[in-house]
Amino acid sequence: MDAEKRLAALGIELPPPPAPLGAYVPAVRVGNLLFLSGMLPLVEGKPGRTGKVGTDLTVEEAFGEARTAALNALAVLRAEAGGLEQVRRVVKLVGYVASAPGFTGQPQVINGASDLMGEVFGEAGRHARAAVGVSSLPLDAPVEIAFVFELAG
């Protein structure tokens, strides 16, 4: 089953690609690699939740925010690659988690994005990853995630 059919089977409709919030482009293609800029969990241009994980959000809430950021990434990917069928594999994602002092559950939060990549792309959704705790993120978002995808020729 291809990625578009998997999205439909999951009952997922991708949002419009979010507009950049600064002086950058949403994605850059180099050869067969597509590098996406950091994706925030924006819904209609605003973060659904704000604050630090471990005080303002639970791991479960932040997991959902990571999934939302990944949905935004898929919207950008579809637009930039000319369709999700162009994806050969998810190469890497780097997740940043706005973390309260002492919070160490960043990997569990970023699983929200990693799990979605597996659901949509199957085995090709398995990827290298980093999950990093930071003191704050743009718009007081709880997560930001950057992606690298390999595309067909």
N, C-alpha and C. Protein backbone atom coordinates (compact mmCIF):
# COMPACT_ATOMS: atom_id res chain seq x y z
N MET A 1 0.85 -1.18 0.00
CA MET A 1 0.00 0.00 0.00
C MET A 1 0.90 1.25 0.00
N ASP A 2 0.56 2.22 -0.85
CA ASP A 2 1.39 3.42 -0.90
C ASP A 2 1.02 4.40 0.21
N ALA A 3 1.85 5.42 0.38
CA ALA A 3 1.70 6.36 1.49
C ALA A 3 0.36 7.09 1.46
N GLU A 4 -0.10 7.49 0.29
CA GLU A 4 -1.39 8.19 0.21
C GLU A 4 -2.53 7.28 0.65
N LYS A 5 -2.47 6.01 0.25
CA LYS A 5 -3.51 5.06 0.66
C LYS A 5 -3.44 4.79 2.16
N ARG A 6 -2.23 4.75 2.69
CA ARG A 6 -2.09 4.55 4.15
C ARG A 6 -2.68 5.74 4.91
N LEU A 7 -2.41 6.95 4.42
CA LEU A 7 -3.01 8.13 5.07
C LEU A 7 -4.53 8.01 5.08
N ALA A 8 -5.10 7.66 3.94
CA ALA A 8 -6.55 7.53 3.84
C ALA A 8 -7.06 6.44 4.79
N ALA A 9 -6.35 5.31 4.84
CA ALA A 9 -6.76 4.20 5.72
C ALA A 9 -6.69 4.62 7.19
N LEU A 10 -5.75 5.50 7.51
CA LEU A 10 -5.62 6.01 8.89
C LEU A 10 -6.61 7.13 9.18
N GLY A 11 -7.33 7.57 8.16
CA GLY A 11 -8.29 8.67 8.34
C GLY A 11 -7.61 10.02 8.51
N ILE A 12 -6.42 10.16 7.92
CA ILE A 12 -5.65 11.40 8.07
C ILE A 12 -5.75 12.23 6.80
N GLU A 13 -6.15 13.47 6.97
CA GLU A 13 -6.11 14.45 5.89
C GLU A 13 -5.04 15.47 6.26
N LEU A 14 -4.06 15.64 5.39
CA LEU A 14 -2.96 16.55 5.70
C LEU A 14 -3.43 18.00 5.67
N PRO A 15 -2.86 18.83 6.55
CA PRO A 15 -3.18 20.25 6.54
C PRO A 15 -2.48 20.93 5.36
N PRO A 16 -2.82 22.18 5.09
CA PRO A 16 -2.02 22.92 4.10
C PRO A 16 -0.59 23.07 4.64
N PRO A 17 0.41 23.11 3.75
CA PRO A 17 1.78 23.30 4.22
C PRO A 17 1.90 24.62 4.98
N PRO A 18 2.54 24.61 6.15
CA PRO A 18 2.69 25.86 6.90
C PRO A 18 3.66 26.81 6.20
N ALA A 19 3.38 28.09 6.31
CA ALA A 19 4.27 29.10 5.74
C ALA A 19 5.48 29.28 6.65
N PRO A 20 6.64 29.57 6.06
CA PRO A 20 7.83 29.85 6.88
C PRO A 20 7.58 31.03 7.82
N LEU A 21 8.19 30.97 8.99
CA LEU A 21 8.04 32.04 9.98
C LEU A 21 9.22 33.01 9.98
N GLY A 22 10.13 32.84 9.02
CA GLY A 22 11.31 33.69 8.96
C GLY A 22 11.91 33.68 7.57
N ALA A 23 13.17 34.06 7.49
CA ALA A 23 13.88 34.19 6.22
C ALA A 23 14.51 32.87 5.82
N TYR A 24 13.70 31.90 5.45
CA TYR A 24 14.15 30.58 5.02
C TYR A 24 13.09 29.96 4.13
N VAL A 25 13.43 28.86 3.49
CA VAL A 25 12.48 28.13 2.66
C VAL A 25 12.06 26.86 3.39
N PRO A 26 10.89 26.32 3.07
CA PRO A 26 10.42 25.12 3.78
C PRO A 26 11.27 23.89 3.52
N ALA A 27 11.90 23.81 2.35
CA ALA A 27 12.68 22.62 2.01
C ALA A 27 13.73 22.96 0.95
N VAL A 28 14.80 22.17 0.96
CA VAL A 28 15.85 22.28 -0.05
C VAL A 28 16.16 20.87 -0.53
N ARG A 29 16.18 20.72 -1.85
CA ARG A 29 16.53 19.42 -2.44
C ARG A 29 17.98 19.46 -2.91
N VAL A 30 18.73 18.43 -2.53
CA VAL A 30 20.11 18.25 -2.98
C VAL A 30 20.18 16.83 -3.51
N GLY A 31 20.31 16.69 -4.83
CA GLY A 31 20.27 15.36 -5.43
C GLY A 31 18.94 14.69 -5.13
N ASN A 32 19.00 13.50 -4.56
CA ASN A 32 17.77 12.77 -4.22
C ASN A 32 17.34 12.98 -2.78
N LEU A 33 18.01 13.90 -2.07
CA LEU A 33 17.65 14.17 -0.68
C LEU A 33 16.85 15.46 -0.57
N LEU A 34 15.80 15.41 0.22
CA LEU A 34 14.99 16.60 0.51
C LEU A 34 15.12 16.90 1.99
N PHE A 35 15.69 18.06 2.30
CA PHE A 35 15.88 18.52 3.68
C PHE A 35 14.75 19.47 4.02
N LEU A 36 13.96 19.13 5.04
CA LEU A 36 12.89 20.02 5.48
C LEU A 36 13.37 20.88 6.63
N SER A 37 12.95 22.13 6.62
CA SER A 37 13.22 23.01 7.74
C SER A 37 12.48 22.49 8.96
N GLY A 38 12.83 23.02 10.12
CA GLY A 38 12.16 22.60 11.34
C GLY A 38 10.66 22.84 11.27
N MET A 39 9.89 21.82 11.62
CA MET A 39 8.43 21.88 11.61
C MET A 39 7.92 22.02 13.03
N LEU A 40 7.05 23.00 13.22
CA LEU A 40 6.39 23.19 14.51
C LEU A 40 5.02 22.53 14.47
N PRO A 41 4.42 22.26 15.62
CA PRO A 41 3.08 21.68 15.65
C PRO A 41 2.01 22.76 15.51
N LEU A 42 2.01 23.41 14.35
CA LEU A 42 1.06 24.50 14.10
C LEU A 42 -0.26 23.96 13.59
N VAL A 43 -1.34 24.55 14.06
CA VAL A 43 -2.68 24.27 13.57
C VAL A 43 -3.25 25.63 13.19
N GLU A 44 -3.53 25.79 11.90
CA GLU A 44 -4.01 27.08 11.38
C GLU A 44 -3.06 28.21 11.76
N GLY A 45 -1.76 27.95 11.67
CA GLY A 45 -0.74 28.97 11.88
C GLY A 45 -0.34 29.24 13.31
N LYS A 46 -0.94 28.52 14.26
CA LYS A 46 -0.62 28.74 15.68
C LYS A 46 -0.35 27.42 16.37
N PRO A 47 0.54 27.43 17.39
CA PRO A 47 0.75 26.18 18.13
C PRO A 47 -0.52 25.75 18.86
N GLY A 48 -0.80 24.44 18.81
CA GLY A 48 -1.96 23.94 19.54
C GLY A 48 -1.77 24.06 21.04
N ARG A 49 -0.57 23.74 21.50
CA ARG A 49 -0.20 23.84 22.91
C ARG A 49 1.13 24.56 22.98
N THR A 50 1.37 25.19 24.10
CA THR A 50 2.64 25.89 24.30
C THR A 50 3.24 25.50 25.64
N GLY A 51 4.54 25.79 25.78
CA GLY A 51 5.20 25.57 27.05
C GLY A 51 6.21 24.45 27.03
N LYS A 52 6.69 24.13 28.21
CA LYS A 52 7.75 23.14 28.36
C LYS A 52 7.16 21.79 28.78
N VAL A 53 7.75 20.75 28.20
CA VAL A 53 7.34 19.40 28.55
C VAL A 53 7.94 19.07 29.92
N GLY A 54 7.11 18.56 30.78
CA GLY A 54 7.56 18.24 32.14
C GLY A 54 6.97 19.19 33.16
N THR A 55 6.48 20.35 32.71
CA THR A 55 5.76 21.27 33.61
C THR A 55 4.42 21.68 32.99
N ASP A 56 4.44 22.16 31.74
CA ASP A 56 3.22 22.65 31.10
C ASP A 56 2.50 21.57 30.29
N LEU A 57 3.24 20.58 29.83
CA LEU A 57 2.66 19.48 29.05
C LEU A 57 3.19 18.16 29.58
N THR A 58 2.36 17.14 29.48
CA THR A 58 2.80 15.78 29.80
C THR A 58 3.51 15.19 28.59
N VAL A 59 4.16 14.06 28.78
CA VAL A 59 4.79 13.35 27.67
C VAL A 59 3.73 12.99 26.63
N GLU A 60 2.58 12.55 27.07
CA GLU A 60 1.51 12.15 26.15
C GLU A 60 1.02 13.33 25.33
N GLU A 61 0.84 14.49 25.96
CA GLU A 61 0.42 15.68 25.22
C GLU A 61 1.48 16.10 24.20
N ALA A 62 2.74 16.06 24.62
CA ALA A 62 3.83 16.45 23.73
C ALA A 62 4.00 15.44 22.59
N PHE A 63 3.75 14.16 22.84
CA PHE A 63 3.75 13.13 21.81
C PHE A 63 2.78 13.54 20.70
N GLY A 64 1.60 13.98 21.10
CA GLY A 64 0.60 14.44 20.13
C GLY A 64 1.07 15.66 19.35
N GLU A 65 1.78 16.55 20.01
CA GLU A 65 2.32 17.73 19.34
C GLU A 65 3.40 17.34 18.34
N ALA A 66 4.21 16.34 18.67
CA ALA A 66 5.23 15.85 17.73
C ALA A 66 4.55 15.23 16.50
N ARG A 67 3.46 14.55 16.71
CA ARG A 67 2.70 13.97 15.60
C ARG A 67 2.15 15.08 14.71
N THR A 68 1.65 16.15 15.32
CA THR A 68 1.13 17.29 14.54
C THR A 68 2.25 17.93 13.72
N ALA A 69 3.43 18.09 14.32
CA ALA A 69 4.58 18.64 13.58
C ALA A 69 4.91 17.73 12.39
N ALA A 70 4.83 16.42 12.59
CA ALA A 70 5.12 15.48 11.51
C ALA A 70 4.07 15.54 10.41
N LEU A 71 2.82 15.79 10.76
CA LEU A 71 1.78 15.97 9.74
C LEU A 71 2.07 17.21 8.90
N ASN A 72 2.53 18.28 9.54
CA ASN A 72 2.93 19.47 8.80
C ASN A 72 4.10 19.16 7.87
N ALA A 73 5.03 18.34 8.35
CA ALA A 73 6.16 17.94 7.51
C ALA A 73 5.69 17.16 6.30
N LEU A 74 4.74 16.26 6.49
CA LEU A 74 4.22 15.50 5.35
C LEU A 74 3.53 16.41 4.34
N ALA A 75 2.87 17.45 4.82
CA ALA A 75 2.23 18.42 3.91
C ALA A 75 3.28 19.15 3.07
N VAL A 76 4.37 19.57 3.72
CA VAL A 76 5.46 20.23 2.99
C VAL A 76 6.11 19.24 2.03
N LEU A 77 6.36 18.03 2.50
CA LEU A 77 6.97 17.00 1.68
C LEU A 77 6.14 16.75 0.42
N ARG A 78 4.85 16.58 0.58
CA ARG A 78 3.96 16.33 -0.57
C ARG A 78 4.08 17.47 -1.58
N ALA A 79 4.04 18.70 -1.10
CA ALA A 79 4.11 19.87 -1.99
C ALA A 79 5.47 19.99 -2.68
N GLU A 80 6.53 19.78 -1.94
CA GLU A 80 7.88 19.97 -2.48
C GLU A 80 8.35 18.82 -3.37
N ALA A 81 7.91 17.61 -3.06
CA ALA A 81 8.37 16.43 -3.82
C ALA A 81 7.44 16.09 -4.98
N GLY A 82 6.27 16.70 -5.01
CA GLY A 82 5.32 16.37 -6.06
C GLY A 82 4.48 15.15 -5.72
N GLY A 83 4.39 14.82 -4.45
CA GLY A 83 3.57 13.70 -4.00
C GLY A 83 4.34 12.77 -3.09
N LEU A 84 3.64 12.15 -2.18
CA LEU A 84 4.29 11.24 -1.22
C LEU A 84 4.82 9.97 -1.88
N GLU A 85 4.31 9.64 -3.07
CA GLU A 85 4.81 8.45 -3.77
C GLU A 85 6.26 8.62 -4.23
N GLN A 86 6.78 9.84 -4.17
CA GLN A 86 8.17 10.10 -4.55
C GLN A 86 9.17 9.69 -3.46
N VAL A 87 8.66 9.40 -2.26
CA VAL A 87 9.53 9.09 -1.13
C VAL A 87 10.02 7.64 -1.20
N ARG A 88 11.34 7.49 -1.18
CA ARG A 88 11.94 6.16 -1.10
C ARG A 88 12.10 5.73 0.35
N ARG A 89 12.51 6.71 1.19
CA ARG A 89 12.62 6.40 2.62
C ARG A 89 12.76 7.68 3.41
N VAL A 90 12.42 7.56 4.68
CA VAL A 90 12.69 8.61 5.65
C VAL A 90 14.12 8.35 6.12
N VAL A 91 15.01 9.31 5.92
CA VAL A 91 16.42 9.11 6.25
C VAL A 91 16.68 9.46 7.70
N LYS A 92 16.26 10.65 8.12
CA LYS A 92 16.58 11.11 9.47
C LYS A 92 15.57 12.13 9.93
N LEU A 93 15.36 12.15 11.23
CA LEU A 93 14.66 13.27 11.83
C LEU A 93 15.38 13.67 13.10
N VAL A 94 15.36 14.98 13.35
CA VAL A 94 15.96 15.55 14.55
C VAL A 94 14.85 16.30 15.26
N GLY A 95 14.54 15.86 16.47
CA GLY A 95 13.47 16.46 17.25
C GLY A 95 14.02 17.26 18.42
N TYR A 96 13.51 18.46 18.56
CA TYR A 96 13.86 19.34 19.67
C TYR A 96 12.64 19.46 20.58
N VAL A 97 12.86 19.28 21.86
CA VAL A 97 11.77 19.30 22.84
C VAL A 97 12.05 20.40 23.86
N ALA A 98 11.15 21.37 23.97
CA ALA A 98 11.26 22.40 25.00
C ALA A 98 11.03 21.70 26.33
N SER A 99 12.09 21.61 27.12
CA SER A 99 12.09 20.74 28.30
C SER A 99 12.23 21.50 29.60
N ALA A 100 11.44 21.11 30.58
CA ALA A 100 11.59 21.64 31.93
C ALA A 100 12.91 21.12 32.50
N PRO A 101 13.51 21.83 33.45
CA PRO A 101 14.75 21.33 34.06
C PRO A 101 14.56 19.91 34.60
N GLY A 102 15.51 19.06 34.29
CA GLY A 102 15.46 17.68 34.76
C GLY A 102 14.64 16.73 33.90
N PHE A 103 13.91 17.24 32.89
CA PHE A 103 13.10 16.35 32.04
C PHE A 103 14.02 15.57 31.10
N THR A 104 13.83 14.26 31.04
CA THR A 104 14.68 13.40 30.21
C THR A 104 13.88 12.49 29.28
N GLY A 105 12.62 12.79 29.06
CA GLY A 105 11.78 11.93 28.23
C GLY A 105 11.68 12.36 26.78
N GLN A 106 12.69 13.07 26.27
CA GLN A 106 12.65 13.55 24.89
C GLN A 106 12.40 12.42 23.88
N PRO A 107 13.06 11.25 24.01
CA PRO A 107 12.80 10.19 23.03
C PRO A 107 11.33 9.77 22.96
N GLN A 108 10.66 9.68 24.11
CA GLN A 108 9.25 9.29 24.11
C GLN A 108 8.38 10.34 23.43
N VAL A 109 8.73 11.62 23.58
CA VAL A 109 7.99 12.69 22.92
C VAL A 109 8.15 12.58 21.41
N ILE A 110 9.37 12.46 20.93
CA ILE A 110 9.64 12.45 19.50
C ILE A 110 9.13 11.17 18.82
N ASN A 111 8.81 10.15 19.62
CA ASN A 111 8.16 8.96 19.07
C ASN A 111 6.85 9.33 18.37
N GLY A 112 6.23 10.43 18.76
CA GLY A 112 5.00 10.87 18.08
C GLY A 112 5.22 11.08 16.60
N ALA A 113 6.39 11.61 16.23
CA ALA A 113 6.73 11.80 14.81
C ALA A 113 7.25 10.50 14.20
N SER A 114 8.11 9.80 14.92
CA SER A 114 8.69 8.56 14.39
C SER A 114 7.62 7.51 14.12
N ASP A 115 6.68 7.37 15.04
CA ASP A 115 5.60 6.39 14.84
C ASP A 115 4.78 6.72 13.59
N LEU A 116 4.50 8.00 13.39
CA LEU A 116 3.72 8.39 12.22
C LEU A 116 4.46 8.06 10.93
N MET A 117 5.77 8.27 10.89
CA MET A 117 6.54 7.93 9.68
C MET A 117 6.43 6.44 9.38
N GLY A 118 6.46 5.60 10.40
CA GLY A 118 6.28 4.17 10.20
C GLY A 118 4.89 3.82 9.71
N GLU A 119 3.88 4.48 10.27
CA GLU A 119 2.50 4.22 9.86
C GLU A 119 2.28 4.59 8.40
N VAL A 120 2.89 5.68 7.96
CA VAL A 120 2.66 6.17 6.60
C VAL A 120 3.54 5.48 5.57
N PHE A 121 4.81 5.24 5.90
CA PHE A 121 5.75 4.73 4.91
C PHE A 121 6.17 3.27 5.15
N GLY A 122 5.65 2.64 6.20
CA GLY A 122 6.01 1.25 6.47
C GLY A 122 7.49 1.13 6.76
N GLU A 123 8.13 0.09 6.23
CA GLU A 123 9.56 -0.15 6.48
C GLU A 123 10.41 1.03 6.02
N ALA A 124 10.00 1.72 4.96
CA ALA A 124 10.74 2.88 4.46
C ALA A 124 10.65 4.06 5.43
N GLY A 125 9.80 3.96 6.42
CA GLY A 125 9.66 5.02 7.43
C GLY A 125 10.63 4.89 8.59
N ARG A 126 11.38 3.78 8.64
CA ARG A 126 12.38 3.61 9.71
C ARG A 126 13.55 4.53 9.40
N HIS A 127 14.04 5.24 10.41
CA HIS A 127 15.00 6.31 10.18
C HIS A 127 16.00 6.46 11.31
N ALA A 128 17.08 7.17 11.01
CA ALA A 128 18.01 7.60 12.06
C ALA A 128 17.37 8.80 12.76
N ARG A 129 17.79 9.06 14.03
CA ARG A 129 17.09 10.09 14.77
C ARG A 129 17.92 10.65 15.90
N ALA A 130 17.62 11.89 16.26
CA ALA A 130 18.12 12.49 17.49
C ALA A 130 16.93 13.16 18.18
N ALA A 131 16.91 13.10 19.51
CA ALA A 131 15.88 13.76 20.31
C ALA A 131 16.61 14.60 21.35
N VAL A 132 16.46 15.91 21.25
CA VAL A 132 17.28 16.84 22.01
C VAL A 132 16.40 17.74 22.88
N GLY A 133 16.78 17.92 24.14
CA GLY A 133 16.09 18.85 25.01
C GLY A 133 16.67 20.25 24.87
N VAL A 134 15.78 21.25 24.76
CA VAL A 134 16.20 22.65 24.65
C VAL A 134 15.40 23.50 25.63
N SER A 135 15.89 24.72 25.90
CA SER A 135 15.21 25.57 26.88
C SER A 135 13.95 26.23 26.33
N SER A 136 13.92 26.54 25.04
CA SER A 136 12.72 27.14 24.44
C SER A 136 12.76 26.98 22.93
N LEU A 137 11.60 27.14 22.31
CA LEU A 137 11.45 27.02 20.86
C LEU A 137 10.60 28.18 20.34
N PRO A 138 10.63 28.44 19.03
CA PRO A 138 9.81 29.53 18.47
C PRO A 138 8.34 29.40 18.85
N LEU A 139 7.70 30.52 19.10
CA LEU A 139 6.28 30.61 19.45
C LEU A 139 5.94 29.86 20.73
N ASP A 140 6.95 29.55 21.54
CA ASP A 140 6.78 28.78 22.77
C ASP A 140 6.22 27.38 22.49
N ALA A 141 6.49 26.89 21.27
CA ALA A 141 6.05 25.54 20.89
C ALA A 141 6.79 24.51 21.73
N PRO A 142 6.16 23.38 22.03
CA PRO A 142 6.83 22.35 22.83
C PRO A 142 7.80 21.48 22.03
N VAL A 143 7.63 21.40 20.70
CA VAL A 143 8.52 20.59 19.87
C VAL A 143 8.78 21.28 18.54
N GLU A 144 9.91 20.94 17.95
CA GLU A 144 10.24 21.31 16.57
C GLU A 144 11.02 20.14 15.98
N ILE A 145 10.70 19.77 14.75
CA ILE A 145 11.31 18.59 14.16
C ILE A 145 11.75 18.89 12.74
N ALA A 146 13.00 18.54 12.43
CA ALA A 146 13.55 18.66 11.09
C ALA A 146 13.68 17.26 10.48
N PHE A 147 13.48 17.16 9.18
CA PHE A 147 13.45 15.87 8.49
C PHE A 147 14.37 15.85 7.28
N VAL A 148 14.84 14.64 6.94
CA VAL A 148 15.54 14.40 5.69
C VAL A 148 14.86 13.18 5.03
N PHE A 149 14.46 13.34 3.77
CA PHE A 149 13.83 12.27 3.02
C PHE A 149 14.65 11.95 1.77
N GLU A 150 14.70 10.68 1.39
CA GLU A 150 15.27 10.29 0.11
C GLU A 150 14.12 10.16 -0.88
N LEU A 151 14.29 10.81 -2.04
CA LEU A 151 13.26 10.79 -3.06
C LEU A 151 13.70 9.94 -4.24
N ALA A 152 12.72 9.50 -5.02
CA ALA A 152 13.02 8.78 -6.26
C ALA A 152 13.71 9.74 -7.23
N GLY A 153 14.58 9.19 -8.08
CA GLY A 153 15.34 9.91 -9.08
C GLY A 153 14.85 11.25 -9.37
